[in-house]
């Protein structure tokens, strides 16, 4: 299911086809019953249909808001991560020359890894980058604390605190990338959309397959946009690590 949610184009295709078939099924069922609603029944049916479609619209709106909130959070953490690395790079000058050179070299390599993390496609490449980031973090922490325990000074403590911010910022970023719209919420939203399209088809006076295309297309585009924004690596809307790229160029 996770692979499907990471492919907004597939979500649009599945949503469009299934919802259109649901609308056609509703229309066929109404034709098979050979029953046209009387005025009173149609008035009551219109109320139920309007309420259901309104509920679907609200749920899509809330889901879009959730997705954009998570997208903005990923952008904010990318900026915070770049600031933390840049600050620690400057603080490294407070260390002795050999230790400062070691820390700065590791920070440049670490920044390269973080830029690759944002642009890598899903799969084994990302897993390898995460493993490399973990190893690099161990080396960074060792380099920052190598002599802090033996000769603790306020300046060394400042460098260690900055390195702690660098490591924490990566954890916040990873948590934000894992924070997605729950699969259960997707399933419920899709079920409501399915029922709404069935109601639209069942309520038609004359079955017109072309006209029944409208709602599936609109809902499919909405689902595509939500999935695209909510997926960090799928689709066309992604977080570009422009702050990390600018920092990377500056460090070199």
Protein backbone atom coordinates (compact mmCIF):
# COMPACT_ATOMS: atom_id res chain seq x y z
CA UNK A 1 0.00 0.00 0.00
CA UNK A 2 2.88 2.35 0.78
CA UNK A 3 4.23 1.96 -2.76
CA UNK A 4 0.83 2.96 -4.16
CA UNK A 5 0.66 6.07 -1.98
CA UNK A 6 4.12 7.06 -3.22
CA UNK A 7 2.83 7.08 -6.82
CA UNK A 8 0.27 9.90 -7.29
CA UNK A 9 -0.20 9.04 -10.97
CA UNK A 10 -1.25 5.50 -10.04
CA UNK A 11 -3.62 6.88 -7.41
CA UNK A 12 -5.24 9.12 -10.02
CA UNK A 13 -5.65 6.23 -12.46
CA UNK A 14 -7.15 3.87 -9.88
CA UNK A 15 -9.41 6.56 -8.44
CA UNK A 16 -10.72 7.67 -11.82
CA UNK A 17 -11.48 4.16 -13.10
CA UNK A 18 -13.04 2.82 -9.91
CA UNK A 19 -15.17 5.89 -9.24
CA UNK A 20 -16.40 6.02 -12.82
CA UNK A 21 -17.35 2.34 -12.66
CA UNK A 22 -19.18 3.01 -9.39
CA UNK A 23 -21.20 5.79 -11.04
CA UNK A 24 -22.01 3.55 -14.01
CA UNK A 25 -23.03 0.75 -11.66
CA UNK A 26 -25.41 3.09 -9.85
CA UNK A 27 -26.94 4.18 -13.15
CA UNK A 28 -27.30 0.60 -14.39
CA UNK A 29 -28.92 -0.43 -11.15
CA UNK A 30 -31.47 2.35 -11.43
CA UNK A 31 -32.21 1.36 -15.04
CA UNK A 32 -32.56 -2.30 -14.12
CA UNK A 33 -35.13 -1.45 -11.51
CA UNK A 34 -37.10 0.52 -14.12
CA UNK A 35 -38.00 2.97 -11.42
CA UNK A 36 -37.96 6.72 -11.74
CA UNK A 37 -38.25 8.59 -8.48
CA UNK A 38 -41.33 10.63 -7.82
CA UNK A 39 -40.94 14.26 -6.87
CA UNK A 40 -41.03 13.68 -3.11
CA UNK A 41 -38.54 10.82 -3.25
CA UNK A 42 -36.21 12.75 -5.55
CA UNK A 43 -36.30 15.74 -3.20
CA UNK A 44 -35.30 13.54 -0.27
CA UNK A 45 -32.66 11.81 -2.39
CA UNK A 46 -31.21 15.19 -3.42
CA UNK A 47 -30.80 16.15 0.23
CA UNK A 48 -28.92 12.91 0.98
CA UNK A 49 -26.80 13.27 -2.15
CA UNK A 50 -25.90 16.89 -1.42
CA UNK A 51 -25.01 16.09 2.20
CA UNK A 52 -22.80 13.19 1.14
CA UNK A 53 -21.00 15.23 -1.52
CA UNK A 54 -20.51 18.05 0.98
CA UNK A 55 -18.97 15.61 3.43
CA UNK A 56 -16.66 14.32 0.72
CA UNK A 57 -15.60 17.88 -0.10
CA UNK A 58 -14.84 18.61 3.56
CA UNK A 59 -12.81 15.45 3.97
CA UNK A 60 -10.80 16.21 0.83
CA UNK A 61 -10.22 19.75 2.12
CA UNK A 62 -9.03 18.50 5.52
CA UNK A 63 -6.77 15.91 3.88
CA UNK A 64 -5.28 18.58 1.62
CA UNK A 65 -4.64 20.74 4.68
CA UNK A 66 -2.92 17.82 6.43
CA UNK A 67 -0.73 17.17 3.39
CA UNK A 68 0.31 20.82 2.97
CA UNK A 69 1.08 21.07 6.69
CA UNK A 70 3.43 18.10 6.45
CA UNK A 71 5.02 19.52 3.31
CA UNK A 72 5.68 22.86 5.02
CA UNK A 73 7.14 20.99 8.00
CA UNK A 74 9.59 19.13 5.75
CA UNK A 75 10.67 22.44 4.21
CA UNK A 76 11.16 24.02 7.64
CA UNK A 77 13.29 21.14 8.87
CA UNK A 78 15.44 21.28 5.73
CA UNK A 79 16.14 24.93 6.49
CA UNK A 80 16.85 24.16 10.15
CA UNK A 81 19.20 21.35 9.18
CA UNK A 82 21.19 23.60 6.86
CA UNK A 83 21.43 26.26 9.56
CA UNK A 84 22.62 23.73 12.14
CA UNK A 85 25.35 22.38 9.85
CA UNK A 86 26.48 25.87 8.84
CA UNK A 87 26.63 27.03 12.46
CA UNK A 88 28.65 24.00 13.52
CA UNK A 89 31.04 24.50 10.61
CA UNK A 90 31.80 28.00 11.91
CA UNK A 91 32.08 26.83 15.51
CA UNK A 92 34.67 24.25 14.47
CA UNK A 93 37.18 27.12 14.31
CA UNK A 94 37.04 27.20 18.11
CA UNK A 95 38.86 23.85 18.20
CA UNK A 96 42.59 23.31 17.71
CA UNK A 97 43.65 23.37 14.07
CA UNK A 98 43.90 19.61 13.54
CA UNK A 99 40.55 18.91 15.22
CA UNK A 100 38.88 21.79 13.35
CA UNK A 101 40.13 20.43 10.02
CA UNK A 102 38.77 16.98 10.85
CA UNK A 103 35.33 18.31 11.85
CA UNK A 104 35.05 20.57 8.81
CA UNK A 105 36.00 17.77 6.43
CA UNK A 106 33.38 15.48 7.94
CA UNK A 107 30.74 18.23 7.82
CA UNK A 108 31.36 18.77 4.11
CA UNK A 109 30.94 15.05 3.44
CA UNK A 110 27.88 14.97 5.67
CA UNK A 111 26.29 17.85 3.76
CA UNK A 112 26.82 15.99 0.50
CA UNK A 113 25.01 12.99 1.96
CA UNK A 114 22.10 15.11 3.15
CA UNK A 115 21.68 16.67 -0.31
CA UNK A 116 21.66 13.18 -1.84
CA UNK A 117 19.04 12.10 0.69
CA UNK A 118 16.57 14.72 -0.54
CA UNK A 119 17.05 13.95 -4.23
CA UNK A 120 17.34 10.14 -4.13
CA UNK A 121 14.49 8.01 -5.52
CA UNK A 122 12.75 5.56 -3.17
CA UNK A 123 14.36 2.17 -2.78
CA UNK A 124 17.68 0.69 -1.82
CA UNK A 125 19.55 3.90 -2.60
CA UNK A 126 17.76 5.72 0.20
CA UNK A 127 18.44 2.90 2.63
CA UNK A 128 22.14 3.03 1.78
CA UNK A 129 22.22 6.79 2.23
CA UNK A 130 20.56 6.44 5.64
CA UNK A 131 23.18 3.89 6.65
CA UNK A 132 25.97 6.19 5.45
CA UNK A 133 24.43 9.10 7.34
CA UNK A 134 24.36 7.04 10.54
CA UNK A 135 28.04 6.12 10.17
CA UNK A 136 28.95 9.72 9.40
CA UNK A 137 27.07 10.93 12.47
CA UNK A 138 29.11 8.57 14.66
CA UNK A 139 32.31 9.99 13.17
CA UNK A 140 31.11 13.57 13.66
CA UNK A 141 30.20 12.99 17.28
CA UNK A 142 33.54 11.28 17.95
CA UNK A 143 35.44 14.13 16.31
CA UNK A 144 33.55 16.77 18.31
CA UNK A 145 33.93 15.00 21.65
CA UNK A 146 37.36 13.43 21.16
CA UNK A 147 39.13 15.61 23.70
CA UNK A 148 36.17 17.35 25.35
CA UNK A 149 36.07 14.87 28.22
CA UNK A 150 39.82 15.10 28.82
CA UNK A 151 40.05 18.89 28.66
CA UNK A 152 36.54 20.34 29.02
CA UNK A 153 36.29 24.03 28.23
CA UNK A 154 33.36 26.36 27.50
CA UNK A 155 34.47 26.61 23.86
CA UNK A 156 34.56 22.84 23.42
CA UNK A 157 31.17 22.59 25.08
CA UNK A 158 29.82 25.07 22.51
CA UNK A 159 31.14 22.90 19.68
CA UNK A 160 29.66 19.76 21.21
CA UNK A 161 26.28 21.50 21.64
CA UNK A 162 26.37 22.56 18.00
CA UNK A 163 27.12 19.02 16.89
CA UNK A 164 24.19 17.81 18.97
CA UNK A 165 21.97 20.25 17.06
CA UNK A 166 23.27 18.84 13.76
CA UNK A 167 22.40 15.28 14.75
CA UNK A 168 19.01 16.25 16.18
CA UNK A 169 18.05 18.22 13.06
CA UNK A 170 18.52 15.09 10.93
CA UNK A 171 16.25 13.14 13.28
CA UNK A 172 13.55 15.80 13.06
CA UNK A 173 13.80 15.75 9.26
CA UNK A 174 13.48 11.98 9.10
CA UNK A 175 10.48 12.03 11.45
CA UNK A 176 8.79 14.64 9.24
CA UNK A 177 9.36 12.48 6.15
CA UNK A 178 7.77 9.50 7.89
CA UNK A 179 4.80 11.59 9.03
CA UNK A 180 2.26 10.83 6.30
CA UNK A 181 -1.53 10.77 6.01
CA UNK A 182 -2.54 7.42 7.59
CA UNK A 183 -3.55 4.59 5.28
CA UNK A 184 -6.82 4.27 7.19
CA UNK A 185 -7.70 7.87 6.38
CA UNK A 186 -7.03 7.21 2.70
CA UNK A 187 -9.25 4.11 2.80
CA UNK A 188 -12.14 5.96 4.43
CA UNK A 189 -11.84 8.90 2.03
CA UNK A 190 -11.84 6.54 -0.94
CA UNK A 191 -14.86 4.64 0.42
CA UNK A 192 -16.85 7.86 0.82
CA UNK A 193 -15.88 8.96 -2.71
CA UNK A 194 -16.97 5.56 -4.02
CA UNK A 195 -20.36 5.85 -2.35
CA UNK A 196 -20.83 9.43 -3.57
CA UNK A 197 -20.21 8.43 -7.17
CA UNK A 198 -22.61 5.52 -6.84
CA UNK A 199 -25.25 7.94 -5.55
CA UNK A 200 -24.64 10.29 -8.47
CA UNK A 201 -25.08 7.45 -10.93
CA UNK A 202 -28.17 6.13 -9.19
CA UNK A 203 -29.76 9.57 -9.15
CA UNK A 204 -29.45 10.25 -12.87
CA UNK A 205 -32.66 10.38 -14.89
CA UNK A 206 -30.82 9.32 -18.06
CA UNK A 207 -27.60 7.33 -18.03
CA UNK A 208 -24.89 9.32 -19.81
CA UNK A 209 -21.41 7.77 -19.33
CA UNK A 210 -19.67 10.94 -20.56
CA UNK A 211 -21.43 13.12 -18.02
CA UNK A 212 -20.57 10.68 -15.24
CA UNK A 213 -16.88 11.24 -16.02
CA UNK A 214 -16.90 14.69 -14.41
CA UNK A 215 -16.96 13.78 -10.72
CA UNK A 216 -14.40 10.92 -10.99
CA UNK A 217 -12.01 13.23 -12.82
CA UNK A 218 -12.38 16.00 -10.25
CA UNK A 219 -11.99 13.66 -7.28
CA UNK A 220 -9.10 11.86 -9.00
CA UNK A 221 -7.25 15.14 -9.51
CA UNK A 222 -7.87 16.07 -5.86
CA UNK A 223 -6.53 12.71 -4.68
CA UNK A 224 -3.55 13.08 -7.02
CA UNK A 225 -2.70 16.50 -5.56
CA UNK A 226 -3.03 15.29 -1.97
CA UNK A 227 -0.88 12.21 -2.63
CA UNK A 228 1.69 14.27 -4.52
CA UNK A 229 2.14 16.80 -1.72
CA UNK A 230 2.07 14.10 0.96
CA UNK A 231 4.67 11.91 -0.77
CA UNK A 232 8.24 13.16 -0.15
CA UNK A 233 9.73 11.24 -3.07
CA UNK A 234 6.84 10.56 -5.47
CA UNK A 235 5.12 12.78 -7.99
CA UNK A 236 6.23 16.21 -9.10
CA UNK A 237 5.97 18.35 -5.94
CA UNK A 238 9.03 17.73 -3.78
CA UNK A 239 11.09 19.53 -1.18
CA UNK A 240 14.13 20.91 -2.99
CA UNK A 241 17.06 21.18 -0.54
CA UNK A 242 17.94 24.66 -1.74
CA UNK A 243 19.34 25.69 1.66
CA UNK A 244 21.56 22.61 1.86
CA UNK A 245 22.67 23.07 -1.77
CA UNK A 246 23.61 26.69 -1.07
CA UNK A 247 25.47 25.60 2.07
CA UNK A 248 27.18 22.82 0.11
CA UNK A 249 28.46 25.33 -2.43
CA UNK A 250 29.63 27.66 0.34
CA UNK A 251 31.53 24.95 2.21
CA UNK A 252 33.40 23.98 -0.92
